[in-house]
Amino acid sequence: MTTTNGRGQAGDHFSAEQARYQTVQESAEFQELRNRYRSWVIPVTIASLAWYFLYVLLAAYAHGFMATQVFGNINIGLILGLLQFVSTFAVTAAYVKFAGSTLDPIADKIRSDFEAGR
């Protein structure tokens, strides 16, 4: 029995495409790509959130510490706040480098194999 995919087209083509995508997802290369991605993203996300919440907690409960003058009108709170931006850009740059050297070659191979019908 042939079904339609909501656009009046036969669903057989959709099923074949869906099977191809499922085959890719089950491949060892795709699993390696997911594992490498997760092994980088999860620890960095945890560290970034911990750093952010530490800053928020210090700002909320350690007023004296955060107000400590370092030089002139610059205090620890301001420095830590600016370091939040610096760390965000550093994580972004590190991810771009990681993705370019580790993830992209695997993803490119998966894509080229998929597009070639392998």
PDB file of N, CA and C in Angstrom:
ATOM      1  N   MET A   1       0.836  -1.177   0.000  1.00  0.00           N
ATOM      2  CA  MET A   1       0.000   0.000   0.000  1.00  0.00           C
ATOM      3  C   MET A   1       0.883   1.243   0.000  1.00  0.00           C
ATOM      4  N   THR A   2       0.550   2.188  -0.838  1.00  0.00           N
ATOM      5  CA  THR A   2       1.297   3.437  -0.931  1.00  0.00           C
ATOM      6  C   THR A   2       0.518   4.529  -0.208  1.00  0.00           C
ATOM      7  N   THR A   3       1.238   5.291   0.615  1.00  0.00           N
ATOM      8  CA  THR A   3       0.609   6.407   1.326  1.00  0.00           C
ATOM      9  C   THR A   3       1.117   7.710   0.746  1.00  0.00           C
ATOM     10  N   THR A   4       0.465   8.791   1.115  1.00  0.00           N
ATOM     11  CA  THR A   4       0.957  10.095   0.677  1.00  0.00           C
ATOM     12  C   THR A   4       1.643  10.781   1.827  1.00  0.00           C
ATOM     13  N   ASN A   5       2.541  11.697   1.501  1.00  0.00           N
ATOM     14  CA  ASN A   5       3.327  12.386   2.526  1.00  0.00           C
ATOM     15  C   ASN A   5       2.779  13.768   2.855  1.00  0.00           C
ATOM     16  N   GLY A   6       1.531  14.019   2.592  1.00  0.00           N
ATOM     17  CA  GLY A   6       0.938  15.313   2.920  1.00  0.00           C
ATOM     18  C   GLY A   6       0.981  16.287   1.765  1.00  0.00           C
ATOM     19  N   ARG A   7       1.696  15.957   0.713  1.00  0.00           N
ATOM     20  CA  ARG A   7       1.773  16.826  -0.471  1.00  0.00           C
ATOM     21  C   ARG A   7       1.232  16.102  -1.701  1.00  0.00           C
ATOM     22  N   GLY A   8       0.561  14.980  -1.446  1.00  0.00           N
ATOM     23  CA  GLY A   8      -0.030  14.252  -2.556  1.00  0.00           C
ATOM     24  C   GLY A   8       0.962  13.364  -3.282  1.00  0.00           C
ATOM     25  N   GLN A   9       2.193  13.257  -2.779  1.00  0.00           N
ATOM     26  CA  GLN A   9       3.204  12.433  -3.433  1.00  0.00           C
ATOM     27  C   GLN A   9       3.256  11.077  -2.749  1.00  0.00           C
ATOM     28  N   ALA A  10       3.668  10.103  -3.493  1.00  0.00           N
ATOM     29  CA  ALA A  10       3.752   8.755  -2.938  1.00  0.00           C
ATOM     30  C   ALA A  10       4.764   8.716  -1.802  1.00  0.00           C
ATOM     31  N   GLY A  11       4.454   7.966  -0.753  1.00  0.00           N
ATOM     32  CA  GLY A  11       5.305   7.883   0.418  1.00  0.00           C
ATOM     33  C   GLY A  11       6.465   6.918   0.271  1.00  0.00           C
ATOM     34  N   ASP A  12       6.527   6.164  -0.833  1.00  0.00           N
ATOM     35  CA  ASP A  12       7.625   5.215  -1.018  1.00  0.00           C
ATOM     36  C   ASP A  12       8.971   5.920  -1.063  1.00  0.00           C
ATOM     37  N   HIS A  13       9.049   7.056  -1.743  1.00  0.00           N
ATOM     38  CA  HIS A  13      10.297   7.814  -1.820  1.00  0.00           C
ATOM     39  C   HIS A  13      10.708   8.290  -0.426  1.00  0.00           C
ATOM     40  N   PHE A  14       9.734   8.760   0.332  1.00  0.00           N
ATOM     41  CA  PHE A  14      10.009   9.229   1.696  1.00  0.00           C
ATOM     42  C   PHE A  14      10.554   8.087   2.535  1.00  0.00           C
ATOM     43  N   SER A  15       9.996   6.925   2.423  1.00  0.00           N
ATOM     44  CA  SER A  15      10.457   5.776   3.196  1.00  0.00           C
ATOM     45  C   SER A  15      11.882   5.406   2.826  1.00  0.00           C
ATOM     46  N   ALA A  16      12.216   5.482   1.555  1.00  0.00           N
ATOM     47  CA  ALA A  16      13.576   5.174   1.118  1.00  0.00           C
ATOM     48  C   ALA A  16      14.560   6.200   1.666  1.00  0.00           C
ATOM     49  N   GLU A  17      14.205   7.472   1.619  1.00  0.00           N
ATOM     50  CA  GLU A  17      15.070   8.524   2.172  1.00  0.00           C
ATOM     51  C   GLU A  17      15.222   8.348   3.674  1.00  0.00           C
ATOM     52  N   GLN A  18      14.126   8.032   4.328  1.00  0.00           N
ATOM     53  CA  GLN A  18      14.161   7.839   5.769  1.00  0.00           C
ATOM     54  C   GLN A  18      15.077   6.663   6.117  1.00  0.00           C
ATOM     55  N   ALA A  19      15.025   5.622   5.346  1.00  0.00           N
ATOM     56  CA  ALA A  19      15.891   4.463   5.568  1.00  0.00           C
ATOM     57  C   ALA A  19      17.355   4.832   5.368  1.00  0.00           C
ATOM     58  N   ARG A  20      17.637   5.666   4.373  1.00  0.00           N
ATOM     59  CA  ARG A  20      19.020   6.109   4.147  1.00  0.00           C
ATOM     60  C   ARG A  20      19.537   6.911   5.333  1.00  0.00           C
ATOM     61  N   TYR A  21      18.710   7.824   5.838  1.00  0.00           N
ATOM     62  CA  TYR A  21      19.119   8.625   6.998  1.00  0.00           C
ATOM     63  C   TYR A  21      19.335   7.733   8.224  1.00  0.00           C
ATOM     64  N   GLN A  22      18.452   6.761   8.406  1.00  0.00           N
ATOM     65  CA  GLN A  22      18.594   5.866   9.553  1.00  0.00           C
ATOM     66  C   GLN A  22      19.872   5.040   9.428  1.00  0.00           C
ATOM     67  N   THR A  23      20.211   4.624   8.218  1.00  0.00           N
ATOM     68  CA  THR A  23      21.450   3.875   8.000  1.00  0.00           C
ATOM     69  C   THR A  23      22.656   4.727   8.368  1.00  0.00           C
ATOM     70  N   VAL A  24      22.628   6.000   7.989  1.00  0.00           N
ATOM     71  CA  VAL A  24      23.725   6.911   8.336  1.00  0.00           C
ATOM     72  C   VAL A  24      23.814   7.056   9.848  1.00  0.00           C
ATOM     73  N   GLN A  25      22.688   7.260  10.501  1.00  0.00           N
ATOM     74  CA  GLN A  25      22.691   7.442  11.955  1.00  0.00           C
ATOM     75  C   GLN A  25      23.211   6.213  12.691  1.00  0.00           C
ATOM     76  N   GLU A  26      23.016   5.053  12.145  1.00  0.00           N
ATOM     77  CA  GLU A  26      23.464   3.821  12.785  1.00  0.00           C
ATOM     78  C   GLU A  26      24.900   3.455  12.435  1.00  0.00           C
ATOM     79  N   SER A  27      25.510   4.191  11.502  1.00  0.00           N
ATOM     80  CA  SER A  27      26.874   3.863  11.064  1.00  0.00           C
ATOM     81  C   SER A  27      27.899   4.174  12.163  1.00  0.00           C
ATOM     82  N   ALA A  28      29.002   3.453  12.105  1.00  0.00           N
ATOM     83  CA  ALA A  28      30.081   3.652  13.086  1.00  0.00           C
ATOM     84  C   ALA A  28      30.663   5.065  12.980  1.00  0.00           C
ATOM     85  N   GLU A  29      30.762   5.577  11.762  1.00  0.00           N
ATOM     86  CA  GLU A  29      31.318   6.927  11.579  1.00  0.00           C
ATOM     87  C   GLU A  29      30.437   7.985  12.252  1.00  0.00           C
ATOM     88  N   PHE A  30      29.126   7.858  12.074  1.00  0.00           N
ATOM     89  CA  PHE A  30      28.217   8.829  12.683  1.00  0.00           C
ATOM     90  C   PHE A  30      28.259   8.729  14.199  1.00  0.00           C
ATOM     91  N   GLN A  31      28.319   7.521  14.727  1.00  0.00           N
ATOM     92  CA  GLN A  31      28.416   7.339  16.177  1.00  0.00           C
ATOM     93  C   GLN A  31      29.718   7.938  16.711  1.00  0.00           C
ATOM     94  N   GLU A  32      30.798   7.770  15.953  1.00  0.00           N
ATOM     95  CA  GLU A  32      32.076   8.384  16.355  1.00  0.00           C
ATOM     96  C   GLU A  32      31.960   9.902  16.362  1.00  0.00           C
ATOM     97  N   LEU A  33      31.311  10.460  15.340  1.00  0.00           N
ATOM     98  CA  LEU A  33      31.100  11.908  15.271  1.00  0.00           C
ATOM     99  C   LEU A  33      30.309  12.390  16.478  1.00  0.00           C
ATOM    100  N   ARG A  34      29.226  11.709  16.810  1.00  0.00           N
ATOM    101  CA  ARG A  34      28.408  12.094  17.976  1.00  0.00           C
ATOM    102  C   ARG A  34      29.207  11.986  19.269  1.00  0.00           C
ATOM    103  N   ASN A  35      29.987  10.911  19.412  1.00  0.00           N
ATOM    104  CA  ASN A  35      30.774  10.734  20.636  1.00  0.00           C
ATOM    105  C   ASN A  35      31.834  11.818  20.781  1.00  0.00           C
ATOM    106  N   ARG A  36      32.507  12.151  19.694  1.00  0.00           N
ATOM    107  CA  ARG A  36      33.522  13.216  19.759  1.00  0.00           C
ATOM    108  C   ARG A  36      32.886  14.564  20.074  1.00  0.00           C
ATOM    109  N   TYR A  37      31.742  14.830  19.454  1.00  0.00           N
ATOM    110  CA  TYR A  37      31.022  16.077  19.720  1.00  0.00           C
ATOM    111  C   TYR A  37      30.637  16.162  21.197  1.00  0.00           C
ATOM    112  N   ARG A  38      30.015  15.108  21.692  1.00  0.00           N
ATOM    113  CA  ARG A  38      29.565  15.101  23.081  1.00  0.00           C
ATOM    114  C   ARG A  38      30.728  15.154  24.067  1.00  0.00           C
ATOM    115  N   SER A  39      31.837  14.498  23.727  1.00  0.00           N
ATOM    116  CA  SER A  39      32.973  14.486  24.660  1.00  0.00           C
ATOM    117  C   SER A  39      33.588  15.872  24.807  1.00  0.00           C
ATOM    118  N   TRP A  40      33.359  16.745  23.863  1.00  0.00           N
ATOM    119  CA  TRP A  40      33.848  18.121  23.968  1.00  0.00           C
ATOM    120  C   TRP A  40      32.770  19.035  24.533  1.00  0.00           C
ATOM    121  N   VAL A  41      31.580  18.946  23.999  1.00  0.00           N
ATOM    122  CA  VAL A  41      30.529  19.902  24.339  1.00  0.00           C
ATOM    123  C   VAL A  41      30.033  19.747  25.774  1.00  0.00           C
ATOM    124  N   ILE A  42      29.817  18.533  26.230  1.00  0.00           N
ATOM    125  CA  ILE A  42      29.252  18.354  27.572  1.00  0.00           C
ATOM    126  C   ILE A  42      30.174  18.887  28.661  1.00  0.00           C
ATOM    127  N   PRO A  43      31.462  18.521  28.691  1.00  0.00           N
ATOM    128  CA  PRO A  43      32.323  19.085  29.744  1.00  0.00           C
ATOM    129  C   PRO A  43      32.472  20.604  29.661  1.00  0.00           C
ATOM    130  N   VAL A  44      32.576  21.140  28.455  1.00  0.00           N
ATOM    131  CA  VAL A  44      32.732  22.585  28.312  1.00  0.00           C
ATOM    132  C   VAL A  44      31.451  23.310  28.728  1.00  0.00           C
ATOM    133  N   THR A  45      30.313  22.736  28.414  1.00  0.00           N
ATOM    134  CA  THR A  45      29.042  23.329  28.837  1.00  0.00           C
ATOM    135  C   THR A  45      28.933  23.334  30.358  1.00  0.00           C
ATOM    136  N   ILE A  46      29.291  22.218  30.982  1.00  0.00           N
ATOM    137  CA  ILE A  46      29.244  22.143  32.449  1.00  0.00           C
ATOM    138  C   ILE A  46      30.192  23.173  33.069  1.00  0.00           C
ATOM    139  N   ALA A  47      31.409  23.250  32.543  1.00  0.00           N
ATOM    140  CA  ALA A  47      32.386  24.210  33.072  1.00  0.00           C
ATOM    141  C   ALA A  47      31.901  25.651  32.867  1.00  0.00           C
ATOM    142  N   SER A  48      31.348  25.942  31.701  1.00  0.00           N
ATOM    143  CA  SER A  48      30.864  27.298  31.416  1.00  0.00           C
ATOM    144  C   SER A  48      29.709  27.678  32.329  1.00  0.00           C
ATOM    145  N   LEU A  49      28.786  26.756  32.535  1.00  0.00           N
ATOM    146  CA  LEU A  49      27.658  27.040  33.427  1.00  0.00           C
ATOM    147  C   LEU A  49      28.121  27.201  34.872  1.00  0.00           C
ATOM    148  N   ALA A  50      29.070  26.371  35.284  1.00  0.00           N
ATOM    149  CA  ALA A  50      29.607  26.496  36.651  1.00  0.00           C
ATOM    150  C   ALA A  50      30.268  27.858  36.832  1.00  0.00           C
ATOM    151  N   TRP A  51      31.057  28.290  35.850  1.00  0.00           N
ATOM    152  CA  TRP A  51      31.718  29.597  35.897  1.00  0.00           C
ATOM    153  C   TRP A  51      30.680  30.707  35.953  1.00  0.00           C
ATOM    154  N   TYR A  52      29.635  30.603  35.141  1.00  0.00           N
ATOM    155  CA  TYR A  52      28.590  31.622  35.126  1.00  0.00           C
ATOM    156  C   TYR A  52      27.862  31.674  36.471  1.00  0.00           C
ATOM    157  N   PHE A  53      27.441  30.512  36.984  1.00  0.00           N
ATOM    158  CA  PHE A  53      26.703  30.498  38.252  1.00  0.00           C
ATOM    159  C   PHE A  53      27.579  30.914  39.428  1.00  0.00           C
ATOM    160  N   LEU A  54      28.871  30.607  39.357  1.00  0.00           N
ATOM    161  CA  LEU A  54      29.788  31.091  40.395  1.00  0.00           C
ATOM    162  C   LEU A  54      29.783  32.619  40.416  1.00  0.00           C
ATOM    163  N   TYR A  55      29.858  33.212  39.248  1.00  0.00           N
ATOM    164  CA  TYR A  55      29.825  34.669  39.155  1.00  0.00           C
ATOM    165  C   TYR A  55      28.514  35.225  39.721  1.00  0.00           C
ATOM    166  N   VAL A  56      27.391  34.623  39.353  1.00  0.00           N
ATOM    167  CA  VAL A  56      26.090  35.086  39.838  1.00  0.00           C
ATOM    168  C   VAL A  56      26.005  34.941  41.356  1.00  0.00           C
ATOM    169  N   LEU A  57      26.454  33.799  41.876  1.00  0.00           N
ATOM    170  CA  LEU A  57      26.413  33.588  43.325  1.00  0.00           C
ATOM    171  C   LEU A  57      27.314  34.569  44.065  1.00  0.00           C
ATOM    172  N   LEU A  58      28.491  34.811  43.527  1.00  0.00           N
ATOM    173  CA  LEU A  58      29.382  35.796  44.146  1.00  0.00           C
ATOM    174  C   LEU A  58      28.750  37.181  44.124  1.00  0.00           C
ATOM    175  N   ALA A  59      28.135  37.530  42.997  1.00  0.00           N
ATOM    176  CA  ALA A  59      27.490  38.843  42.902  1.00  0.00           C
ATOM    177  C   ALA A  59      26.332  38.969  43.877  1.00  0.00           C
ATOM    178  N   ALA A  60      25.625  37.872  44.116  1.00  0.00           N
ATOM    179  CA  ALA A  60      24.457  37.913  44.994  1.00  0.00           C
ATOM    180  C   ALA A  60      24.820  37.845  46.474  1.00  0.00           C
ATOM    181  N   TYR A  61      25.851  37.069  46.818  1.00  0.00           N
ATOM    182  CA  TYR A  61      26.112  36.792  48.228  1.00  0.00           C
ATOM    183  C   TYR A  61      27.473  37.257  48.744  1.00  0.00           C
ATOM    184  N   ALA A  62      28.377  37.647  47.881  1.00  0.00           N
ATOM    185  CA  ALA A  62      29.708  38.062  48.341  1.00  0.00           C
ATOM    186  C   ALA A  62      29.965  39.513  47.934  1.00  0.00           C
ATOM    187  N   HIS A  63      29.092  40.394  48.397  1.00  0.00           N
ATOM    188  CA  HIS A  63      29.187  41.810  48.015  1.00  0.00           C
ATOM    189  C   HIS A  63      30.548  42.407  48.377  1.00  0.00           C
ATOM    190  N   GLY A  64      31.024  42.112  49.567  1.00  0.00           N
ATOM    191  CA  GLY A  64      32.306  42.669  50.003  1.00  0.00           C
ATOM    192  C   GLY A  64      33.455  42.216  49.118  1.00  0.00           C
ATOM    193  N   PHE A  65      33.473  40.927  48.789  1.00  0.00           N
ATOM    194  CA  PHE A  65      34.530  40.395  47.915  1.00  0.00           C
ATOM    195  C   PHE A  65      34.456  41.025  46.529  1.00  0.00           C
ATOM    196  N   MET A  66      33.257  41.077  45.969  1.00  0.00           N
ATOM    197  CA  MET A  66      33.099  41.609  44.617  1.00  0.00           C
ATOM    198  C   MET A  66      33.404  43.114  44.559  1.00  0.00           C
ATOM    199  N   ALA A  67      33.223  43.804  45.674  1.00  0.00           N
ATOM    200  CA  ALA A  67      33.469  45.248  45.709  1.00  0.00           C
ATOM    201  C   ALA A  67      34.920  45.587  46.006  1.00  0.00           C
ATOM    202  N   THR A  68      35.745  44.584  46.233  1.00  0.00           N
ATOM    203  CA  THR A  68      37.157  44.826  46.538  1.00  0.00           C
ATOM    204  C   THR A  68      37.823  45.552  45.369  1.00  0.00           C
ATOM    205  N   GLN A  69      38.401  46.728  45.693  1.00  0.00           N
ATOM    206  CA  GLN A  69      39.072  47.523  44.661  1.00  0.00           C
ATOM    207  C   GLN A  69      40.395  46.869  44.269  1.00  0.00           C
ATOM    208  N   VAL A  70      40.620  46.736  42.964  1.00  0.00           N
ATOM    209  CA  VAL A  70      41.877  46.180  42.469  1.00  0.00           C
ATOM    210  C   VAL A  70      42.822  47.323  42.120  1.00  0.00           C
ATOM    211  N   PHE A  71      42.336  48.265  41.338  1.00  0.00           N
ATOM    212  CA  PHE A  71      43.052  49.509  41.054  1.00  0.00           C
ATOM    213  C   PHE A  71      42.054  50.547  40.574  1.00  0.00           C
ATOM    214  N   GLY A  72      42.199  51.747  41.061  1.00  0.00           N
ATOM    215  CA  GLY A  72      41.268  52.827  40.701  1.00  0.00           C
ATOM    216  C   GLY A  72      39.841  52.434  41.052  1.00  0.00           C
ATOM    217  N   ASN A  73      38.941  52.634  40.114  1.00  0.00           N
ATOM    218  CA  ASN A  73      37.534  52.268  40.307  1.00  0.00           C
ATOM    219  C   ASN A  73      37.229  50.854  39.811  1.00  0.00           C
ATOM    220  N   ILE A  74      38.240  50.091  39.502  1.00  0.00           N
ATOM    221  CA  ILE A  74      38.066  48.729  38.997  1.00  0.00           C
ATOM    222  C   ILE A  74      38.041  47.762  40.183  1.00  0.00           C
ATOM    223  N   ASN A  75      36.940  47.014  40.291  1.00  0.00           N
ATOM    224  CA  ASN A  75      36.836  46.051  41.392  1.00  0.00           C
ATOM    225  C   ASN A  75      36.789  44.621  40.852  1.00  0.00           C
ATOM    226  N   ILE A  76      36.817  43.657  41.755  1.00  0.00           N
ATOM    227  CA  ILE A  76      36.824  42.246  41.354  1.00  0.00           C
ATOM    228  C   ILE A  76      35.558  41.886  40.589  1.00  0.00           C
ATOM    229  N   GLY A  77      34.424  42.417  40.999  1.00  0.00           N
ATOM    230  CA  GLY A  77      33.165  42.136  40.303  1.00  0.00           C
ATOM    231  C   GLY A  77      33.212  42.545  38.846  1.00  0.00           C
ATOM    232  N   LEU A  78      33.755  43.723  38.573  1.00  0.00           N
ATOM    233  CA  LEU A  78      33.859  44.189  37.201  1.00  0.00           C
ATOM    234  C   LEU A  78      34.797  43.300  36.390  1.00  0.00           C
ATOM    235  N   ILE A  79      35.916  42.949  36.982  1.00  0.00           N
ATOM    236  CA  ILE A  79      36.880  42.083  36.287  1.00  0.00           C
ATOM    237  C   ILE A  79      36.259  40.728  35.977  1.00  0.00           C
ATOM    238  N   LEU A  80      35.606  40.117  36.976  1.00  0.00           N
ATOM    239  CA  LEU A  80      34.973  38.817  36.743  1.00  0.00           C
ATOM    240  C   LEU A  80      33.844  38.917  35.713  1.00  0.00           C
ATOM    241  N   GLY A  81      33.102  40.016  35.733  1.00  0.00           N
ATOM    242  CA  GLY A  81      32.049  40.224  34.742  1.00  0.00           C
ATOM    243  C   GLY A  81      32.609  40.314  33.335  1.00  0.00           C
ATOM    244  N   LEU A  82      33.702  41.053  33.181  1.00  0.00           N
ATOM    245  CA  LEU A  82      34.326  41.157  31.860  1.00  0.00           C
ATOM    246  C   LEU A  82      34.935  39.819  31.429  1.00  0.00           C
ATOM    247  N   LEU A  83      35.428  39.068  32.402  1.00  0.00           N
ATOM    248  CA  LEU A  83      35.977  37.746  32.078  1.00  0.00           C
ATOM    249  C   LEU A  83      34.895  36.785  31.584  1.00  0.00           C
ATOM    250  N   GLN A  84      33.642  37.036  31.932  1.00  0.00           N
ATOM    251  CA  GLN A  84      32.546  36.231  31.383  1.00  0.00           C
ATOM    252  C   GLN A  84      32.519  36.375  29.847  1.00  0.00           C
ATOM    253  N   PHE A  85      32.683  37.598  29.369  1.00  0.00           N
ATOM    254  CA  PHE A  85      32.710  37.821  27.924  1.00  0.00           C
ATOM    255  C   PHE A  85      33.942  37.178  27.302  1.00  0.00           C
ATOM    256  N   VAL A  86      35.071  37.357  27.943  1.00  0.00           N
ATOM    257  CA  VAL A  86      36.320  36.783  27.426  1.00  0.00           C
ATOM    258  C   VAL A  86      36.201  35.263  27.340  1.00  0.00           C
ATOM    259  N   SER A  87      35.663  34.642  28.391  1.00  0.00           N
ATOM    260  CA  SER A  87      35.545  33.184  28.378  1.00  0.00           C
ATOM    261  C   SER A  87      34.562  32.708  27.308  1.00  0.00           C
ATOM    262  N   THR A  88      33.509  33.471  27.059  1.00  0.00           N
ATOM    263  CA  THR A  88      32.561  33.109  25.999  1.00  0.00           C
ATOM    264  C   THR A  88      33.244  33.108  24.644  1.00  0.00           C
ATOM    265  N   PHE A  89      34.020  34.140  24.364  1.00  0.00           N
ATOM    266  CA  PHE A  89      34.742  34.193  23.086  1.00  0.00           C
ATOM    267  C   PHE A  89      35.811  33.103  23.010  1.00  0.00           C
ATOM    268  N   ALA A  90      36.461  32.810  24.131  1.00  0.00           N
ATOM    269  CA  ALA A  90      37.487  31.756  24.153  1.00  0.00           C
ATOM    270  C   ALA A  90      36.865  30.394  23.873  1.00  0.00           C
ATOM    271  N   VAL A  91      35.724  30.112  24.485  1.00  0.00           N
ATOM    272  CA  VAL A  91      35.048  28.834  24.234  1.00  0.00           C
ATOM    273  C   VAL A  91      34.608  28.745  22.776  1.00  0.00           C
ATOM    274  N   THR A  92      34.095  29.833  22.240  1.00  0.00           N
ATOM    275  CA  THR A  92      33.681  29.841  20.841  1.00  0.00           C
ATOM    276  C   THR A  92      34.868  29.568  19.924  1.00  0.00           C
ATOM    277  N   ALA A  93      35.987  30.240  20.159  1.00  0.00           N
ATOM    278  CA  ALA A  93      37.182  30.038  19.337  1.00  0.00           C
ATOM    279  C   ALA A  93      37.702  28.607  19.466  1.00  0.00           C
ATOM    280  N   ALA A  94      37.695  28.078  20.679  1.00  0.00           N
ATOM    281  CA  ALA A  94      38.157  26.707  20.897  1.00  0.00           C
ATOM    282  C   ALA A  94      37.247  25.712  20.184  1.00  0.00           C
ATOM    283  N   TYR A  95      35.935  25.956  20.215  1.00  0.00           N
ATOM    284  CA  TYR A  95      35.014  25.044  19.535  1.00  0.00           C
ATOM    285  C   TYR A  95      35.206  25.093  18.020  1.00  0.00           C
ATOM    286  N   VAL A  96      35.380  26.282  17.484  1.00  0.00           N
ATOM    287  CA  VAL A  96      35.596  26.405  16.038  1.00  0.00           C
ATOM    288  C   VAL A  96      36.848  25.626  15.628  1.00  0.00           C
ATOM    289  N   LYS A  97      37.900  25.746  16.410  1.00  0.00           N
ATOM    290  CA  LYS A  97      39.132  25.009  16.120  1.00  0.00           C
ATOM    291  C   LYS A  97      38.907  23.505  16.245  1.00  0.00           C
ATOM    292  N   PHE A  98      38.240  23.093  17.322  1.00  0.00           N
ATOM    293  CA  PHE A  98      37.950  21.676  17.541  1.00  0.00           C
ATOM    294  C   PHE A  98      37.087  21.108  16.417  1.00  0.00           C
ATOM    295  N   ALA A  99      36.026  21.821  16.078  1.00  0.00           N
ATOM    296  CA  ALA A  99      35.122  21.344  15.032  1.00  0.00           C
ATOM    297  C   ALA A  99      35.844  21.250  13.690  1.00  0.00           C
ATOM    298  N   GLY A 100      36.650  22.253  13.383  1.00  0.00           N
ATOM    299  CA  GLY A 100      37.358  22.251  12.108  1.00  0.00           C
ATOM    300  C   GLY A 100      38.366  21.124  11.981  1.00  0.00           C
ATOM    301  N   SER A 101      39.017  20.782  13.076  1.00  0.00           N
ATOM    302  CA  SER A 101      40.060  19.756  12.996  1.00  0.00           C
ATOM    303  C   SER A 101      39.549  18.349  13.308  1.00  0.00           C
ATOM    304  N   THR A 102      38.485  18.241  14.095  1.00  0.00           N
ATOM    305  CA  THR A 102      38.045  16.927  14.560  1.00  0.00           C
ATOM    306  C   THR A 102      36.689  16.510  13.997  1.00  0.00           C
ATOM    307  N   LEU A 103      35.725  17.396  14.024  1.00  0.00           N
ATOM    308  CA  LEU A 103      34.375  17.031  13.616  1.00  0.00           C
ATOM    309  C   LEU A 103      34.138  17.155  12.116  1.00  0.00           C
ATOM    310  N   ASP A 104      34.599  18.244  11.529  1.00  0.00           N
ATOM    311  CA  ASP A 104      34.313  18.498  10.121  1.00  0.00           C
ATOM    312  C   ASP A 104      34.837  17.427   9.170  1.00  0.00           C
ATOM    313  N   PRO A 105      36.052  16.896   9.359  1.00  0.00           N
ATOM    314  CA  PRO A 105      36.497  15.845   8.438  1.00  0.00           C
ATOM    315  C   PRO A 105      35.579  14.612   8.457  1.00  0.00           C
ATOM    316  N   ILE A 106      35.111  14.229   9.632  1.00  0.00           N
ATOM    317  CA  ILE A 106      34.212  13.077   9.727  1.00  0.00           C
ATOM    318  C   ILE A 106      32.863  13.417   9.095  1.00  0.00           C
ATOM    319  N   ALA A 107      32.341  14.592   9.407  1.00  0.00           N
ATOM    320  CA  ALA A 107      31.050  15.014   8.854  1.00  0.00           C
ATOM    321  C   ALA A 107      31.115  15.128   7.337  1.00  0.00           C
ATOM    322  N   ASP A 108      32.220  15.643   6.813  1.00  0.00           N
ATOM    323  CA  ASP A 108      32.376  15.759   5.358  1.00  0.00           C
ATOM    324  C   ASP A 108      32.375  14.387   4.695  1.00  0.00           C
ATOM    325  N   LYS A 109      33.036  13.411   5.308  1.00  0.00           N
ATOM    326  CA  LYS A 109      33.066  12.062   4.750  1.00  0.00           C
ATOM    327  C   LYS A 109      31.676  11.442   4.787  1.00  0.00           C
ATOM    328  N   ILE A 110      30.976  11.608   5.906  1.00  0.00           N
ATOM    329  CA  ILE A 110      29.610  11.078   6.009  1.00  0.00           C
ATOM    330  C   ILE A 110      28.730  11.706   4.936  1.00  0.00           C
ATOM    331  N   ARG A 111      28.837  13.016   4.766  1.00  0.00           N
ATOM    332  CA  ARG A 111      28.026  13.722   3.771  1.00  0.00           C
ATOM    333  C   ARG A 111      28.353  13.263   2.372  1.00  0.00           C
ATOM    334  N   SER A 112      29.628  13.150   2.041  1.00  0.00           N
ATOM    335  CA  SER A 112      29.992  12.743   0.678  1.00  0.00           C
ATOM    336  C   SER A 112      29.547  11.311   0.393  1.00  0.00           C
ATOM    337  N   ASP A 113      29.667  10.426   1.385  1.00  0.00           N
ATOM    338  CA  ASP A 113      29.186   9.051   1.213  1.00  0.00           C
ATOM    339  C   ASP A 113      27.668   9.025   1.021  1.00  0.00           C
ATOM    340  N   PHE A 114      26.963   9.836   1.805  1.00  0.00           N
ATOM    341  CA  PHE A 114      25.514   9.896   1.697  1.00  0.00           C
ATOM    342  C   PHE A 114      25.074  10.409   0.321  1.00  0.00           C
ATOM    343  N   GLU A 115      25.723  11.486  -0.124  1.00  0.00           N
ATOM    344  CA  GLU A 115      25.353  12.078  -1.402  1.00  0.00           C
ATOM    345  C   GLU A 115      25.710  11.167  -2.577  1.00  0.00           C
ATOM    346  N   ALA A 116      26.725  10.326  -2.378  1.00  0.00           N
ATOM    347  CA  ALA A 116      27.117   9.381  -3.436  1.00  0.00           C
ATOM    348  C   ALA A 116      26.263   8.114  -3.392  1.00  0.00           C
ATOM    349  N   GLY A 117      25.395   8.012  -2.393  1.00  0.00           N
ATOM    350  CA  GLY A 117      24.500   6.876  -2.304  1.00  0.00           C
ATOM    351  C   GLY A 117      25.111   5.669  -1.618  1.00  0.00           C
ATOM    352  N   ARG A 118      26.225   5.886  -0.889  1.00  0.00           N
ATOM    353  CA  ARG A 118      26.862   4.759  -0.200  1.00  0.00           C
ATOM    354  C   ARG A 118      26.380   4.640   1.205  1.00  0.00           C
TER     355      ARG A 118
END
